[in-house]
Amino acid sequence: MTADPTAAGSAGGTADETAGVVPDRVDAATGQGGLLRGRRAVITGGANGIGAAIVKRFAAAGAIGVVLDLPAAVAAIEPPPGWYGVEVDVRDEASMAAA
């Protein structure tokens, strides 16, 4: 069985390739590229910690989307191009309905 050189954690490929970002797929007009180009994402808790790291990776891979987090957290960030911050408490149904 031959290992996929672009699979995450494999010994082959560059760091970007193993992270799911394929440099040769970058769109010259937008500067974005990778495996998620044209995809949309909604990331809860995306203003800090693991959520922020996911937003950064998805954006680098070409995705656009929405960062959902508490008001104070969203106010403190500047989402990547093509991304929007939405102040919402996903634990509260009324807050979700208002968003």
N, C-alpha and C. Protein backbone atom coordinates (compact mmCIF):
# COMPACT_ATOMS: atom_id res chain seq x y z
N MET A 1 0.85 -1.18 0.00
CA MET A 1 0.00 0.00 0.00
C MET A 1 0.89 1.24 0.00
N THR A 2 0.65 2.16 -0.90
CA THR A 2 1.44 3.37 -1.02
C THR A 2 0.80 4.47 -0.19
N ALA A 3 1.61 5.20 0.59
CA ALA A 3 1.09 6.29 1.41
C ALA A 3 0.77 7.50 0.54
N ASP A 4 -0.29 8.21 0.89
CA ASP A 4 -0.66 9.44 0.19
C ASP A 4 0.25 10.55 0.70
N PRO A 5 1.11 11.16 -0.15
CA PRO A 5 2.04 12.18 0.31
C PRO A 5 1.36 13.47 0.75
N THR A 6 0.08 13.67 0.43
CA THR A 6 -0.60 14.89 0.86
C THR A 6 -1.51 14.65 2.06
N ALA A 7 -1.54 13.44 2.57
CA ALA A 7 -2.38 13.15 3.73
C ALA A 7 -1.78 13.79 4.97
N ALA A 8 -2.65 14.32 5.83
CA ALA A 8 -2.18 14.96 7.06
C ALA A 8 -1.38 13.96 7.89
N GLY A 9 -0.24 14.42 8.38
CA GLY A 9 0.58 13.59 9.23
C GLY A 9 1.48 12.62 8.48
N SER A 10 1.43 12.59 7.16
CA SER A 10 2.29 11.68 6.42
C SER A 10 3.69 12.26 6.35
N ALA A 11 4.63 11.40 6.01
CA ALA A 11 6.02 11.83 5.94
C ALA A 11 6.30 12.66 4.69
N GLY A 12 5.48 12.52 3.63
CA GLY A 12 5.73 13.23 2.39
C GLY A 12 5.01 14.56 2.34
N GLY A 13 5.38 15.38 1.39
CA GLY A 13 4.70 16.66 1.18
C GLY A 13 5.25 17.76 2.06
N THR A 14 4.92 19.00 1.70
CA THR A 14 5.35 20.15 2.49
C THR A 14 4.43 20.31 3.68
N ALA A 15 4.79 21.21 4.59
CA ALA A 15 3.95 21.47 5.76
C ALA A 15 2.58 21.96 5.33
N ASP A 16 2.53 22.82 4.29
CA ASP A 16 1.24 23.30 3.80
C ASP A 16 0.40 22.16 3.24
N GLU A 17 1.03 21.27 2.50
CA GLU A 17 0.28 20.16 1.92
C GLU A 17 -0.27 19.24 3.00
N THR A 18 0.51 18.96 4.04
CA THR A 18 0.03 18.07 5.09
C THR A 18 -1.01 18.75 5.94
N ALA A 19 -1.10 20.07 5.89
CA ALA A 19 -2.13 20.80 6.62
C ALA A 19 -3.40 20.96 5.79
N GLY A 20 -3.40 20.45 4.56
CA GLY A 20 -4.57 20.54 3.71
C GLY A 20 -4.57 21.76 2.81
N VAL A 21 -3.51 22.55 2.82
CA VAL A 21 -3.41 23.73 1.97
C VAL A 21 -2.46 23.38 0.84
N VAL A 22 -2.97 23.35 -0.38
CA VAL A 22 -2.16 22.98 -1.53
C VAL A 22 -1.76 24.26 -2.25
N PRO A 23 -0.48 24.68 -2.15
CA PRO A 23 -0.04 25.97 -2.70
C PRO A 23 -0.32 26.16 -4.19
N ASP A 24 -0.27 25.11 -5.01
CA ASP A 24 -0.45 25.28 -6.45
C ASP A 24 -1.90 25.54 -6.84
N ARG A 25 -2.80 25.58 -5.91
CA ARG A 25 -4.20 25.85 -6.21
C ARG A 25 -4.62 27.25 -5.77
N VAL A 26 -3.69 28.15 -5.65
CA VAL A 26 -3.99 29.51 -5.22
C VAL A 26 -4.58 30.31 -6.38
N ASP A 27 -5.69 30.98 -6.12
CA ASP A 27 -6.34 31.84 -7.11
C ASP A 27 -5.58 33.16 -7.16
N ALA A 28 -5.04 33.52 -8.31
CA ALA A 28 -4.23 34.73 -8.46
C ALA A 28 -5.02 35.99 -8.15
N ALA A 29 -6.32 36.01 -8.43
CA ALA A 29 -7.13 37.21 -8.21
C ALA A 29 -7.40 37.46 -6.73
N THR A 30 -7.64 36.40 -5.96
CA THR A 30 -8.01 36.58 -4.54
C THR A 30 -6.87 36.28 -3.59
N GLY A 31 -5.86 35.56 -4.07
CA GLY A 31 -4.77 35.16 -3.20
C GLY A 31 -5.13 33.97 -2.33
N GLN A 32 -6.34 33.45 -2.51
CA GLN A 32 -6.77 32.31 -1.72
C GLN A 32 -6.65 31.04 -2.54
N GLY A 33 -6.53 29.95 -1.86
CA GLY A 33 -6.44 28.70 -2.59
C GLY A 33 -6.59 27.52 -1.66
N GLY A 34 -6.30 26.38 -2.19
CA GLY A 34 -6.35 25.19 -1.38
C GLY A 34 -7.61 24.38 -1.59
N LEU A 35 -7.72 23.39 -0.77
CA LEU A 35 -8.78 22.40 -0.92
C LEU A 35 -10.17 22.92 -0.60
N LEU A 36 -10.29 24.01 0.11
CA LEU A 36 -11.62 24.51 0.50
C LEU A 36 -12.08 25.72 -0.32
N ARG A 37 -11.38 26.05 -1.38
CA ARG A 37 -11.75 27.21 -2.19
C ARG A 37 -13.19 27.06 -2.67
N GLY A 38 -13.99 28.10 -2.44
CA GLY A 38 -15.38 28.08 -2.85
C GLY A 38 -16.32 27.46 -1.84
N ARG A 39 -15.79 26.90 -0.76
CA ARG A 39 -16.63 26.30 0.28
C ARG A 39 -16.98 27.34 1.33
N ARG A 40 -18.09 27.10 2.03
CA ARG A 40 -18.53 28.00 3.10
C ARG A 40 -18.51 27.25 4.41
N ALA A 41 -18.20 27.98 5.50
CA ALA A 41 -18.11 27.35 6.81
C ALA A 41 -18.74 28.24 7.87
N VAL A 42 -19.27 27.61 8.90
CA VAL A 42 -19.76 28.30 10.10
C VAL A 42 -18.98 27.70 11.25
N ILE A 43 -18.20 28.54 11.95
CA ILE A 43 -17.37 28.06 13.04
C ILE A 43 -17.87 28.67 14.35
N THR A 44 -18.37 27.81 15.24
CA THR A 44 -18.80 28.29 16.56
C THR A 44 -17.57 28.38 17.46
N GLY A 45 -17.54 29.40 18.31
CA GLY A 45 -16.38 29.60 19.17
C GLY A 45 -15.15 29.97 18.37
N GLY A 46 -15.36 30.64 17.25
CA GLY A 46 -14.27 30.91 16.32
C GLY A 46 -13.45 32.15 16.60
N ALA A 47 -13.73 32.86 17.68
CA ALA A 47 -12.99 34.09 17.96
C ALA A 47 -11.68 33.86 18.68
N ASN A 48 -11.52 32.71 19.33
CA ASN A 48 -10.27 32.45 20.03
C ASN A 48 -10.03 30.96 20.19
N GLY A 49 -8.85 30.61 20.61
CA GLY A 49 -8.50 29.22 20.87
C GLY A 49 -8.55 28.34 19.63
N ILE A 50 -9.05 27.12 19.83
CA ILE A 50 -9.13 26.15 18.74
C ILE A 50 -10.01 26.67 17.61
N GLY A 51 -11.12 27.32 17.94
CA GLY A 51 -12.01 27.85 16.91
C GLY A 51 -11.31 28.85 16.02
N ALA A 52 -10.51 29.74 16.62
CA ALA A 52 -9.77 30.73 15.82
C ALA A 52 -8.75 30.05 14.92
N ALA A 53 -8.12 29.00 15.41
CA ALA A 53 -7.15 28.26 14.60
C ALA A 53 -7.84 27.59 13.42
N ILE A 54 -9.06 27.08 13.64
CA ILE A 54 -9.82 26.47 12.56
C ILE A 54 -10.18 27.52 11.51
N VAL A 55 -10.64 28.69 11.96
CA VAL A 55 -10.97 29.78 11.03
C VAL A 55 -9.75 30.14 10.19
N LYS A 56 -8.61 30.27 10.83
CA LYS A 56 -7.38 30.64 10.12
C LYS A 56 -7.02 29.58 9.07
N ARG A 57 -7.09 28.31 9.43
CA ARG A 57 -6.77 27.22 8.50
C ARG A 57 -7.76 27.17 7.34
N PHE A 58 -9.06 27.27 7.67
CA PHE A 58 -10.07 27.22 6.63
C PHE A 58 -9.91 28.39 5.66
N ALA A 59 -9.66 29.59 6.19
CA ALA A 59 -9.47 30.76 5.34
C ALA A 59 -8.24 30.59 4.45
N ALA A 60 -7.15 30.07 5.01
CA ALA A 60 -5.94 29.84 4.22
C ALA A 60 -6.18 28.81 3.12
N ALA A 61 -7.12 27.89 3.36
CA ALA A 61 -7.44 26.86 2.36
C ALA A 61 -8.49 27.34 1.37
N GLY A 62 -8.92 28.61 1.50
CA GLY A 62 -9.82 29.19 0.51
C GLY A 62 -11.28 29.28 0.90
N ALA A 63 -11.64 28.80 2.08
CA ALA A 63 -13.04 28.86 2.50
C ALA A 63 -13.42 30.29 2.91
N ILE A 64 -14.70 30.59 2.83
CA ILE A 64 -15.26 31.82 3.37
C ILE A 64 -16.31 31.40 4.38
N GLY A 65 -16.67 32.30 5.31
CA GLY A 65 -17.64 31.86 6.29
C GLY A 65 -17.95 32.86 7.36
N VAL A 66 -18.48 32.29 8.45
CA VAL A 66 -18.98 33.07 9.57
C VAL A 66 -18.33 32.56 10.86
N VAL A 67 -17.89 33.50 11.68
CA VAL A 67 -17.36 33.20 13.01
C VAL A 67 -18.47 33.52 14.01
N LEU A 68 -18.98 32.51 14.70
CA LEU A 68 -19.99 32.72 15.73
C LEU A 68 -19.31 32.67 17.09
N ASP A 69 -19.56 33.69 17.92
CA ASP A 69 -19.00 33.68 19.26
C ASP A 69 -19.72 34.72 20.10
N LEU A 70 -19.38 34.75 21.38
CA LEU A 70 -19.99 35.70 22.30
C LEU A 70 -19.64 37.13 21.89
N PRO A 71 -20.51 38.10 22.22
CA PRO A 71 -20.29 39.48 21.77
C PRO A 71 -18.91 40.05 22.07
N ALA A 72 -18.42 39.89 23.29
CA ALA A 72 -17.12 40.46 23.64
C ALA A 72 -16.00 39.83 22.81
N ALA A 73 -16.10 38.55 22.53
CA ALA A 73 -15.07 37.86 21.75
C ALA A 73 -15.09 38.30 20.30
N VAL A 74 -16.27 38.42 19.70
CA VAL A 74 -16.37 38.83 18.30
C VAL A 74 -15.92 40.28 18.13
N ALA A 75 -16.21 41.12 19.11
CA ALA A 75 -15.81 42.53 19.03
C ALA A 75 -14.29 42.69 19.04
N ALA A 76 -13.58 41.71 19.59
CA ALA A 76 -12.13 41.81 19.72
C ALA A 76 -11.36 41.24 18.54
N ILE A 77 -12.05 40.72 17.52
CA ILE A 77 -11.34 40.11 16.39
C ILE A 77 -11.57 40.86 15.09
N GLU A 78 -10.71 40.60 14.14
CA GLU A 78 -10.91 41.05 12.77
C GLU A 78 -10.89 39.79 11.90
N PRO A 79 -12.07 39.32 11.48
CA PRO A 79 -12.12 38.08 10.70
C PRO A 79 -11.32 38.21 9.41
N PRO A 80 -10.85 37.08 8.88
CA PRO A 80 -10.13 37.10 7.60
C PRO A 80 -11.02 37.62 6.47
N PRO A 81 -10.44 38.04 5.36
CA PRO A 81 -11.24 38.48 4.21
C PRO A 81 -12.24 37.39 3.79
N GLY A 82 -13.48 37.81 3.57
CA GLY A 82 -14.52 36.88 3.18
C GLY A 82 -15.23 36.23 4.36
N TRP A 83 -14.81 36.57 5.56
CA TRP A 83 -15.41 36.02 6.78
C TRP A 83 -16.10 37.15 7.54
N TYR A 84 -17.12 36.79 8.29
CA TYR A 84 -17.89 37.76 9.09
C TYR A 84 -18.04 37.25 10.51
N GLY A 85 -17.95 38.16 11.47
CA GLY A 85 -18.18 37.81 12.86
C GLY A 85 -19.63 38.07 13.22
N VAL A 86 -20.24 37.11 13.90
CA VAL A 86 -21.63 37.25 14.35
C VAL A 86 -21.66 37.04 15.85
N GLU A 87 -22.19 38.04 16.55
CA GLU A 87 -22.29 37.96 18.00
C GLU A 87 -23.51 37.14 18.38
N VAL A 88 -23.27 35.97 18.98
CA VAL A 88 -24.37 35.08 19.34
C VAL A 88 -23.89 34.11 20.42
N ASP A 89 -24.81 33.75 21.30
CA ASP A 89 -24.54 32.72 22.29
C ASP A 89 -25.26 31.46 21.80
N VAL A 90 -24.52 30.50 21.26
CA VAL A 90 -25.13 29.32 20.66
C VAL A 90 -25.84 28.44 21.69
N ARG A 91 -25.61 28.71 22.98
CA ARG A 91 -26.31 27.95 24.03
C ARG A 91 -27.71 28.49 24.29
N ASP A 92 -28.02 29.67 23.73
CA ASP A 92 -29.30 30.34 23.97
C ASP A 92 -30.13 30.38 22.71
N GLU A 93 -31.28 29.70 22.72
CA GLU A 93 -32.12 29.61 21.53
C GLU A 93 -32.58 30.98 21.04
N ALA A 94 -32.92 31.88 21.96
CA ALA A 94 -33.37 33.23 21.56
C ALA A 94 -32.22 34.00 20.89
N SER A 95 -31.01 33.83 21.39
CA SER A 95 -29.86 34.49 20.78
C SER A 95 -29.62 33.96 19.37
N MET A 96 -29.75 32.66 19.19
CA MET A 96 -29.59 32.05 17.87
C MET A 96 -30.67 32.55 16.90
N ALA A 97 -31.90 32.66 17.37
CA ALA A 97 -33.00 33.12 16.52
C ALA A 97 -32.78 34.58 16.10
N ALA A 98 -32.22 35.38 17.00
CA ALA A 98 -31.97 36.79 16.71
C ALA A 98 -30.80 36.97 15.73
N ALA A 99 -29.88 36.03 15.73
CA ALA A 99 -28.72 36.14 14.85
C ALA A 99 -29.12 35.85 13.42
